[in-house]
């Protein structure tokens, strides 16, 4: 949800045997840099390796630019499962 989109998304390296989802609340700066705030209700992970993977993904990806800072909820699905 929110009005920001990821520009040319790079893949997420799960590297772990994770299965589930994180509804991540992300603060996006006007120039498109995203920062993880927290996992929202409906997430199967709220801490640990899944959050670290999302934070690394945010370092490698940018959202579209806008005039103001935004807060968006972005859904991350981990499908590897073991």
C-alpha atoms as a PDB file:
ATOM      1  CA  UNK A   1       0.000   0.000   0.000  1.00  0.00           C
ATOM      2  CA  UNK A   2       1.101   3.589  -0.375  1.00  0.00           C
ATOM      3  CA  UNK A   3       2.002   5.639  -3.385  1.00  0.00           C
ATOM      4  CA  UNK A   4       5.613   4.568  -3.967  1.00  0.00           C
ATOM      5  CA  UNK A   5       6.935   1.822  -6.239  1.00  0.00           C
ATOM      6  CA  UNK A   6      10.314   0.093  -6.494  1.00  0.00           C
ATOM      7  CA  UNK A   7      12.324   1.135  -9.547  1.00  0.00           C
ATOM      8  CA  UNK A   8      14.118  -1.755 -11.351  1.00  0.00           C
ATOM      9  CA  UNK A   9      13.850  -4.168  -8.398  1.00  0.00           C
ATOM     10  CA  UNK A  10      16.787  -6.455  -7.705  1.00  0.00           C
ATOM     11  CA  UNK A  11      16.178  -9.954  -6.449  1.00  0.00           C
ATOM     12  CA  UNK A  12      16.052 -10.756  -2.771  1.00  0.00           C
ATOM     13  CA  UNK A  13      18.673 -13.240  -1.595  1.00  0.00           C
ATOM     14  CA  UNK A  14      16.859 -15.260   1.053  1.00  0.00           C
ATOM     15  CA  UNK A  15      19.831 -17.518   1.754  1.00  0.00           C
ATOM     16  CA  UNK A  16      17.857 -19.118   4.578  1.00  0.00           C
ATOM     17  CA  UNK A  17      15.242 -21.820   4.738  1.00  0.00           C
ATOM     18  CA  UNK A  18      12.371 -19.433   5.361  1.00  0.00           C
ATOM     19  CA  UNK A  19       8.728 -19.745   4.448  1.00  0.00           C
ATOM     20  CA  UNK A  20       6.222 -17.043   5.290  1.00  0.00           C
ATOM     21  CA  UNK A  21       5.646 -13.347   4.784  1.00  0.00           C
ATOM     22  CA  UNK A  22       6.480  -9.981   6.226  1.00  0.00           C
ATOM     23  CA  UNK A  23       4.242  -6.964   5.780  1.00  0.00           C
ATOM     24  CA  UNK A  24       6.978  -4.385   6.218  1.00  0.00           C
ATOM     25  CA  UNK A  25       6.256  -0.790   7.105  1.00  0.00           C
ATOM     26  CA  UNK A  26       8.900   1.217   5.252  1.00  0.00           C
ATOM     27  CA  UNK A  27       9.772   4.902   5.454  1.00  0.00           C
ATOM     28  CA  UNK A  28      10.732   6.182   1.988  1.00  0.00           C
ATOM     29  CA  UNK A  29      12.703   9.411   1.649  1.00  0.00           C
ATOM     30  CA  UNK A  30      11.909  11.931  -1.106  1.00  0.00           C
ATOM     31  CA  UNK A  31      14.858  10.585  -3.136  1.00  0.00           C
ATOM     32  CA  UNK A  32      13.596   6.975  -2.897  1.00  0.00           C
ATOM     33  CA  UNK A  33      15.680   5.452  -0.105  1.00  0.00           C
ATOM     34  CA  UNK A  34      13.667   2.984   1.993  1.00  0.00           C
ATOM     35  CA  UNK A  35      14.208   2.251   5.696  1.00  0.00           C
ATOM     36  CA  UNK A  36      12.555  -0.625   7.541  1.00  0.00           C
ATOM     37  CA  UNK A  37      10.352   0.576  10.411  1.00  0.00           C
ATOM     38  CA  UNK A  38       8.603  -2.577  11.615  1.00  0.00           C
ATOM     39  CA  UNK A  39       6.673  -5.691  10.626  1.00  0.00           C
ATOM     40  CA  UNK A  40       2.938  -5.027  10.737  1.00  0.00           C
ATOM     41  CA  UNK A  41       0.030  -7.242  11.726  1.00  0.00           C
ATOM     42  CA  UNK A  42      -0.396 -10.195   9.386  1.00  0.00           C
ATOM     43  CA  UNK A  43       3.334 -10.943   9.233  1.00  0.00           C
ATOM     44  CA  UNK A  44       4.546 -14.446  10.048  1.00  0.00           C
ATOM     45  CA  UNK A  45       8.005 -13.039  10.897  1.00  0.00           C
ATOM     46  CA  UNK A  46       8.559  -9.943  13.022  1.00  0.00           C
ATOM     47  CA  UNK A  47      12.283 -10.298  13.763  1.00  0.00           C
ATOM     48  CA  UNK A  48      15.336 -12.383  12.961  1.00  0.00           C
ATOM     49  CA  UNK A  49      16.778 -13.428   9.599  1.00  0.00           C
ATOM     50  CA  UNK A  50      13.761 -12.382   7.520  1.00  0.00           C
ATOM     51  CA  UNK A  51      14.047  -8.781   8.747  1.00  0.00           C
ATOM     52  CA  UNK A  52      17.801  -8.737   8.080  1.00  0.00           C
ATOM     53  CA  UNK A  53      17.155  -9.952   4.514  1.00  0.00           C
ATOM     54  CA  UNK A  54      14.593  -7.181   3.978  1.00  0.00           C
ATOM     55  CA  UNK A  55      16.991  -4.538   5.330  1.00  0.00           C
ATOM     56  CA  UNK A  56      19.701  -5.739   2.921  1.00  0.00           C
ATOM     57  CA  UNK A  57      17.184  -5.691   0.035  1.00  0.00           C
ATOM     58  CA  UNK A  58      16.279  -2.094   0.916  1.00  0.00           C
ATOM     59  CA  UNK A  59      19.977  -1.096   0.753  1.00  0.00           C
ATOM     60  CA  UNK A  60      20.141  -2.429  -2.823  1.00  0.00           C
ATOM     61  CA  UNK A  61      16.827  -1.064  -4.151  1.00  0.00           C
ATOM     62  CA  UNK A  62      15.260   2.369  -4.563  1.00  0.00           C
ATOM     63  CA  UNK A  63      11.688   3.583  -4.734  1.00  0.00           C
ATOM     64  CA  UNK A  64      10.456   6.262  -7.119  1.00  0.00           C
ATOM     65  CA  UNK A  65      11.255   9.856  -6.169  1.00  0.00           C
ATOM     66  CA  UNK A  66       8.574  12.134  -4.738  1.00  0.00           C
ATOM     67  CA  UNK A  67       8.279  15.561  -3.156  1.00  0.00           C
ATOM     68  CA  UNK A  68       7.696  14.245   0.373  1.00  0.00           C
ATOM     69  CA  UNK A  69       8.691  11.384   2.634  1.00  0.00           C
ATOM     70  CA  UNK A  70       6.209   8.487   2.569  1.00  0.00           C
ATOM     71  CA  UNK A  71       5.391   5.472   4.673  1.00  0.00           C
ATOM     72  CA  UNK A  72       4.379   2.385   2.696  1.00  0.00           C
ATOM     73  CA  UNK A  73       3.581  -1.225   3.536  1.00  0.00           C
ATOM     74  CA  UNK A  74       5.372  -3.647   1.224  1.00  0.00           C
ATOM     75  CA  UNK A  75       4.712  -7.398   1.287  1.00  0.00           C
ATOM     76  CA  UNK A  76       7.717  -9.735   1.206  1.00  0.00           C
ATOM     77  CA  UNK A  77       6.992 -13.420   0.606  1.00  0.00           C
ATOM     78  CA  UNK A  78       9.563 -16.041   1.534  1.00  0.00           C
ATOM     79  CA  UNK A  79       8.851 -19.188  -0.474  1.00  0.00           C
ATOM     80  CA  UNK A  80      11.852 -21.466   0.070  1.00  0.00           C
ATOM     81  CA  UNK A  81      10.677 -23.473   3.062  1.00  0.00           C
ATOM     82  CA  UNK A  82      12.615 -26.524   4.082  1.00  0.00           C
END
